[in-house]
């Protein structure tokens, strides 16, 4: 097994919340190098503004290219031994369909891994993804999984549910809803099994270290209803919230209207289907395979998010 400190990572979709966190933690804890791949100059500038020391920044190379550009991505992969593929979308558009974002990028990534020095690839997918899923997003992610697992290069697919991490949009929205006296939710009995972003990053590192090949379903320590999750958030803030349930059929009707009337609707049927997926799995098998200890609990995760928010407010005051 190679020394983790000697590794060089290729990270695609590096400007997302998990990508940025992975970069910060990897460069802070090891002598590893990272080639971070993004699609736009704006995304590259955001990464380059990350809070890194001069020494850490010297180990980060940010490259702008199209994820389906085989030649360019192969050039970026030179010298890399590990890859992390974070490319994916929840909402498809006419200019960015699921097929392009998931399957086409996966096909190029698989080919690049097989033709380069990369020894192991980790792909972050969504819990519930399967090529035969009736949901367009989950089916597309499932087909991308099959493409990557079919590569000659050893590949691990990590399927995760809602990921909660300090400073990300989804977590901020959850805290905002929990702080309200009354919250509205489609099908509040829908099951959520949120996982802490830090645990996902650890899982990626372990999958690469162990060169695990195959798909793993990994979720948080507890599955609970959407209603209970919002109430837990409120309780951690010393508040209470009343959760008002809305029929999921209403949500799909609204999504259908938006898709029919808007060129770029904020909500689609496929998005709603992913968000409404019941997540309730035993994380123990994946933890055993990845040689990981207990996961961060729901309350502990929420308190981490609240602490970060409090620090941010203090900085504003200063």
Protein backbone atom coordinates (compact mmCIF):
# COMPACT_ATOMS: atom_id res chain seq x y z
CA UNK A 1 0.00 0.00 0.00
CA UNK A 2 1.43 3.35 -1.00
CA UNK A 3 2.10 6.18 1.41
CA UNK A 4 -0.93 8.50 1.41
CA UNK A 5 1.41 11.48 1.66
CA UNK A 6 2.93 10.67 -1.73
CA UNK A 7 -0.36 10.69 -3.64
CA UNK A 8 -1.50 13.13 -6.29
CA UNK A 9 -5.25 13.54 -6.76
CA UNK A 10 -7.30 14.43 -9.80
CA UNK A 11 -10.57 15.98 -8.60
CA UNK A 12 -13.30 16.77 -11.11
CA UNK A 13 -16.19 19.02 -10.09
CA UNK A 14 -13.83 20.45 -7.50
CA UNK A 15 -15.68 23.72 -6.93
CA UNK A 16 -18.70 22.17 -5.17
CA UNK A 17 -19.05 22.13 -1.39
CA UNK A 18 -17.56 18.66 -1.00
CA UNK A 19 -14.83 19.37 -3.53
CA UNK A 20 -13.68 22.49 -1.71
CA UNK A 21 -13.80 20.70 1.62
CA UNK A 22 -11.85 17.75 0.27
CA UNK A 23 -9.16 20.08 -1.08
CA UNK A 24 -8.81 22.00 2.19
CA UNK A 25 -8.65 18.89 4.37
CA UNK A 26 -6.36 16.92 2.07
CA UNK A 27 -3.85 19.72 1.64
CA UNK A 28 -3.96 20.49 5.38
CA UNK A 29 -3.36 16.95 6.58
CA UNK A 30 -0.94 15.46 4.07
CA UNK A 31 1.80 16.20 1.58
CA UNK A 32 -0.50 15.20 -1.25
CA UNK A 33 -0.88 17.23 -4.42
CA UNK A 34 -4.19 17.99 -6.10
CA UNK A 35 -5.15 18.83 -9.66
CA UNK A 36 -8.58 20.41 -9.28
CA UNK A 37 -10.66 20.44 -12.45
CA UNK A 38 -13.50 22.92 -12.94
CA UNK A 39 -15.58 24.09 -15.91
CA UNK A 40 -15.24 27.88 -15.66
CA UNK A 41 -12.72 30.58 -14.87
CA UNK A 42 -15.05 31.89 -12.20
CA UNK A 43 -15.03 28.52 -10.43
CA UNK A 44 -11.23 28.43 -10.71
CA UNK A 45 -10.95 31.86 -9.10
CA UNK A 46 -13.19 30.74 -6.25
CA UNK A 47 -10.92 27.77 -5.56
CA UNK A 48 -7.80 29.90 -5.76
CA UNK A 49 -9.28 32.18 -3.09
CA UNK A 50 -9.48 29.27 -0.62
CA UNK A 51 -7.86 29.73 2.77
CA UNK A 52 -4.60 27.91 2.14
CA UNK A 53 -1.06 28.52 3.27
CA UNK A 54 1.53 29.36 0.64
CA UNK A 55 2.94 25.85 0.93
CA UNK A 56 -0.49 24.27 0.51
CA UNK A 57 -1.32 26.50 -2.42
CA UNK A 58 1.85 25.35 -4.15
CA UNK A 59 0.47 21.79 -4.06
CA UNK A 60 -2.81 22.81 -5.74
CA UNK A 61 -3.15 23.11 -9.49
CA UNK A 62 -6.50 24.40 -10.78
CA UNK A 63 -7.41 23.53 -14.38
CA UNK A 64 -10.38 24.80 -16.41
CA UNK A 65 -11.77 22.36 -18.97
CA UNK A 66 -14.88 20.59 -20.20
CA UNK A 67 -15.42 17.32 -18.32
CA UNK A 68 -16.14 15.53 -21.59
CA UNK A 69 -12.92 16.74 -23.25
CA UNK A 70 -10.90 13.53 -23.23
CA UNK A 71 -7.63 15.00 -24.44
CA UNK A 72 -7.66 17.90 -21.98
CA UNK A 73 -8.65 15.74 -19.02
CA UNK A 74 -6.01 13.14 -19.89
CA UNK A 75 -3.42 15.92 -19.84
CA UNK A 76 -4.60 17.06 -16.42
CA UNK A 77 -4.41 13.49 -15.10
CA UNK A 78 -0.71 13.07 -15.86
CA UNK A 79 1.17 12.11 -12.69
CA UNK A 80 -2.02 11.57 -10.66
CA UNK A 81 -2.49 8.29 -8.79
CA UNK A 82 -5.99 8.83 -7.36
CA UNK A 83 -9.14 10.39 -8.76
CA UNK A 84 -12.31 11.77 -7.21
CA UNK A 85 -15.20 12.30 -9.61
CA UNK A 86 -17.73 14.77 -8.17
CA UNK A 87 -19.43 15.76 -11.40
CA UNK A 88 -23.21 15.60 -11.24
CA UNK A 89 -26.40 17.62 -11.30
CA UNK A 90 -29.72 17.38 -9.51
CA UNK A 91 -31.60 19.50 -12.03
CA UNK A 92 -31.20 18.89 -15.75
CA UNK A 93 -31.59 21.72 -18.26
CA UNK A 94 -31.70 21.88 -22.07
CA UNK A 95 -28.06 22.97 -22.10
CA UNK A 96 -27.00 20.46 -19.43
CA UNK A 97 -29.01 17.21 -19.70
CA UNK A 98 -28.44 14.32 -17.29
CA UNK A 99 -26.85 12.23 -20.03
CA UNK A 100 -24.09 14.77 -20.62
CA UNK A 101 -23.49 15.57 -16.96
CA UNK A 102 -23.45 11.97 -15.78
CA UNK A 103 -22.94 9.29 -18.43
CA UNK A 104 -20.80 11.24 -20.91
CA UNK A 105 -18.52 12.66 -18.25
CA UNK A 106 -18.25 9.22 -16.62
CA UNK A 107 -17.28 7.60 -19.93
CA UNK A 108 -14.49 10.13 -20.45
CA UNK A 109 -13.34 9.79 -16.83
CA UNK A 110 -13.20 5.99 -17.10
CA UNK A 111 -11.15 6.19 -20.29
CA UNK A 112 -8.78 8.76 -18.80
CA UNK A 113 -8.21 6.62 -15.72
CA UNK A 114 -7.44 3.58 -17.86
CA UNK A 115 -5.00 5.53 -20.02
CA UNK A 116 -3.17 7.40 -17.25
CA UNK A 117 -1.24 6.75 -14.05
CA UNK A 118 -4.42 6.76 -11.94
CA UNK A 119 -4.65 3.63 -9.81
CA UNK A 120 -7.98 4.22 -8.08
CA UNK A 121 -11.13 6.25 -8.71
CA UNK A 122 -13.90 7.22 -6.29
CA UNK A 123 -17.27 8.38 -7.62
CA UNK A 124 -19.79 10.12 -5.38
CA UNK A 125 -23.32 9.09 -6.30
CA UNK A 126 -26.79 9.36 -4.77
CA UNK A 127 -28.44 6.85 -2.45
CA UNK A 128 -31.17 5.16 -4.49
CA UNK A 129 -29.38 5.46 -7.83
CA UNK A 130 -29.90 2.56 -10.20
CA UNK A 131 -29.90 2.29 -13.96
CA UNK A 132 -33.46 0.92 -13.91
CA UNK A 133 -34.85 3.63 -11.62
CA UNK A 134 -38.03 5.34 -12.89
CA UNK A 135 -36.51 8.64 -11.78
CA UNK A 136 -34.49 10.26 -14.60
CA UNK A 137 -31.77 11.62 -12.32
CA UNK A 138 -31.29 8.41 -10.31
CA UNK A 139 -31.33 6.30 -13.48
CA UNK A 140 -28.69 8.51 -15.11
CA UNK A 141 -26.48 8.35 -12.03
CA UNK A 142 -26.92 4.58 -12.00
CA UNK A 143 -25.78 4.31 -15.62
CA UNK A 144 -22.76 6.47 -14.80
CA UNK A 145 -21.93 4.13 -11.92
CA UNK A 146 -21.99 1.15 -14.29
CA UNK A 147 -19.65 2.92 -16.70
CA UNK A 148 -17.10 3.72 -14.01
CA UNK A 149 -17.30 0.30 -12.32
CA UNK A 150 -16.72 -1.24 -15.74
CA UNK A 151 -13.39 0.54 -16.20
CA UNK A 152 -10.13 -1.36 -15.92
CA UNK A 153 -9.06 1.03 -13.17
CA UNK A 154 -10.17 0.05 -9.67
CA UNK A 155 -13.24 2.16 -8.83
CA UNK A 156 -15.42 2.71 -5.79
CA UNK A 157 -18.92 4.18 -5.98
CA UNK A 158 -20.11 5.84 -2.78
CA UNK A 159 -23.87 6.41 -2.74
CA UNK A 160 -24.83 8.99 -0.12
CA UNK A 161 -28.05 10.79 0.88
CA UNK A 162 -28.44 14.40 2.05
CA UNK A 163 -24.98 15.71 2.98
CA UNK A 164 -24.80 18.37 5.70
CA UNK A 165 -21.66 20.47 6.03
CA UNK A 166 -20.60 23.77 7.47
CA UNK A 167 -21.31 26.70 5.18
CA UNK A 168 -23.13 24.87 2.38
CA UNK A 169 -26.44 26.05 0.92
CA UNK A 170 -28.53 23.00 1.81
CA UNK A 171 -27.43 23.10 5.44
CA UNK A 172 -28.13 26.82 5.66
CA UNK A 173 -31.63 26.28 4.26
CA UNK A 174 -32.27 23.51 6.78
CA UNK A 175 -31.25 25.76 9.68
CA UNK A 176 -33.44 28.58 8.38
CA UNK A 177 -36.46 26.29 8.16
CA UNK A 178 -35.82 24.87 11.62
CA UNK A 179 -35.74 28.37 13.09
CA UNK A 180 -39.20 29.22 11.75
CA UNK A 181 -42.26 28.97 13.97
CA UNK A 182 -44.02 27.09 11.17
CA UNK A 183 -42.36 25.03 8.43
CA UNK A 184 -43.98 23.59 5.32
CA UNK A 185 -42.80 20.29 3.86
CA UNK A 186 -43.95 17.97 1.11
CA UNK A 187 -44.66 14.54 2.61
CA UNK A 188 -43.11 15.29 6.04
CA UNK A 189 -43.09 11.57 6.88
CA UNK A 190 -40.47 11.04 4.12
CA UNK A 191 -37.35 9.48 5.60
CA UNK A 192 -34.04 11.33 5.70
CA UNK A 193 -30.70 9.88 6.78
CA UNK A 194 -28.34 12.87 6.59
CA UNK A 195 -24.61 12.31 6.72
CA UNK A 196 -21.99 14.78 7.90
CA UNK A 197 -19.76 16.13 5.14
CA UNK A 198 -16.66 15.36 7.19
CA UNK A 199 -17.63 11.68 7.28
CA UNK A 200 -18.05 11.64 3.49
CA UNK A 201 -14.55 13.07 3.07
CA UNK A 202 -13.16 10.40 5.41
CA UNK A 203 -14.94 7.71 3.40
CA UNK A 204 -13.41 8.99 0.15
CA UNK A 205 -9.95 8.87 1.72
CA UNK A 206 -10.45 5.36 3.06
CA UNK A 207 -11.82 4.05 -0.22
CA UNK A 208 -8.72 5.33 -2.00
CA UNK A 209 -6.32 4.14 0.69
CA UNK A 210 -7.80 0.63 0.65
CA UNK A 211 -8.32 0.71 -3.13
CA UNK A 212 -11.81 -0.60 -2.61
CA UNK A 213 -13.55 -1.74 -5.80
CA UNK A 214 -17.33 -1.79 -5.94
CA UNK A 215 -20.38 0.17 -4.83
CA UNK A 216 -21.17 1.09 -1.23
CA UNK A 217 -24.27 2.66 0.29
CA UNK A 218 -23.27 5.02 3.06
CA UNK A 219 -25.65 7.19 5.09
CA UNK A 220 -25.78 8.84 8.49
CA UNK A 221 -26.16 7.05 11.80
CA UNK A 222 -29.92 7.63 12.03
CA UNK A 223 -32.92 7.61 9.68
CA UNK A 224 -35.73 9.95 10.71
CA UNK A 225 -38.71 11.64 9.14
CA UNK A 226 -38.33 15.04 7.49
CA UNK A 227 -40.65 16.41 10.18
CA UNK A 228 -38.51 15.04 12.98
CA UNK A 229 -35.34 16.36 11.36
CA UNK A 230 -36.75 19.89 11.27
CA UNK A 231 -37.86 19.55 14.89
CA UNK A 232 -34.40 18.31 15.91
CA UNK A 233 -32.86 21.35 14.21
CA UNK A 234 -35.26 23.63 16.09
CA UNK A 235 -34.51 21.92 19.40
CA UNK A 236 -30.76 22.38 18.93
CA UNK A 237 -31.46 26.10 18.60
CA UNK A 238 -33.65 26.13 21.70
CA UNK A 239 -36.75 26.61 19.56
CA UNK A 240 -39.81 24.70 18.42
CA UNK A 241 -41.29 24.50 14.95
CA UNK A 242 -44.64 23.26 13.74
CA UNK A 243 -44.28 21.25 10.53
CA UNK A 244 -47.21 21.53 8.15
CA UNK A 245 -47.41 18.70 5.64
CA UNK A 246 -48.20 19.25 1.98
CA UNK A 247 -49.25 16.41 -0.35
CA UNK A 248 -46.46 15.26 -2.63
CA UNK A 249 -48.92 15.24 -5.53
CA UNK A 250 -49.14 19.01 -5.17
CA UNK A 251 -45.36 19.22 -5.47
CA UNK A 252 -45.35 17.19 -8.66
CA UNK A 253 -48.16 19.32 -10.08
CA UNK A 254 -46.21 22.49 -9.35
CA UNK A 255 -43.06 20.99 -10.89
CA UNK A 256 -44.96 19.96 -14.03
CA UNK A 257 -46.37 23.47 -14.45
CA UNK A 258 -42.92 25.02 -14.01
CA UNK A 259 -41.42 22.66 -16.58
CA UNK A 260 -44.17 23.50 -19.06
CA UNK A 261 -43.98 27.27 -18.60
CA UNK A 262 -40.34 28.06 -17.77
CA UNK A 263 -37.16 27.53 -19.78
CA UNK A 264 -35.18 26.94 -16.60
CA UNK A 265 -37.63 25.88 -13.85
CA UNK A 266 -36.36 26.00 -10.25
CA UNK A 267 -38.05 22.66 -9.54
CA UNK A 268 -38.50 19.60 -11.75
CA UNK A 269 -40.26 16.28 -11.24
CA UNK A 270 -36.94 14.42 -11.25
CA UNK A 271 -35.49 16.76 -8.61
CA UNK A 272 -38.53 16.30 -6.40
CA UNK A 273 -38.31 12.55 -6.79
CA UNK A 274 -34.71 12.51 -5.58
CA UNK A 275 -35.50 14.78 -2.64
CA UNK A 276 -38.53 12.66 -1.72
CA UNK A 277 -36.63 9.35 -1.75
CA UNK A 278 -36.95 7.44 1.55
CA UNK A 279 -33.45 6.91 2.95
CA UNK A 280 -33.22 4.15 5.53
CA UNK A 281 -30.17 1.88 5.33
CA UNK A 282 -27.75 0.26 7.74
CA UNK A 283 -24.40 2.09 7.34
CA UNK A 284 -22.50 -0.61 9.26
CA UNK A 285 -21.50 -2.76 6.25
CA UNK A 286 -19.95 0.21 4.43
CA UNK A 287 -18.21 1.38 7.61
CA UNK A 288 -16.74 -2.09 8.10
CA UNK A 289 -15.46 -2.25 4.52
CA UNK A 290 -13.94 1.24 4.80
CA UNK A 291 -12.53 0.55 8.27
CA UNK A 292 -14.27 3.60 9.70
CA UNK A 293 -15.56 4.19 13.22
CA UNK A 294 -18.96 5.56 14.27
CA UNK A 295 -20.44 8.40 12.24
CA UNK A 296 -21.29 11.88 13.46
CA UNK A 297 -24.83 11.86 14.89
CA UNK A 298 -27.69 14.12 13.85
CA UNK A 299 -27.50 16.47 16.85
CA UNK A 300 -23.71 16.62 16.70
CA UNK A 301 -23.88 17.50 13.00
CA UNK A 302 -26.50 20.20 13.57
CA UNK A 303 -24.44 21.71 16.39
CA UNK A 304 -21.39 21.85 14.12
CA UNK A 305 -23.46 23.77 11.56
CA UNK A 306 -24.77 26.14 14.21
CA UNK A 307 -21.28 26.76 15.59
CA UNK A 308 -20.03 27.72 12.13
CA UNK A 309 -22.97 30.09 11.66
CA UNK A 310 -22.26 31.69 15.03
CA UNK A 311 -18.59 32.18 14.14
CA UNK A 312 -19.59 33.75 10.83
CA UNK A 313 -21.90 36.20 12.62
CA UNK A 314 -19.11 37.16 15.03
CA UNK A 315 -16.76 37.85 12.14
CA UNK A 316 -19.37 40.15 10.62
CA UNK A 317 -19.56 42.09 13.88
CA UNK A 318 -15.77 42.33 14.10
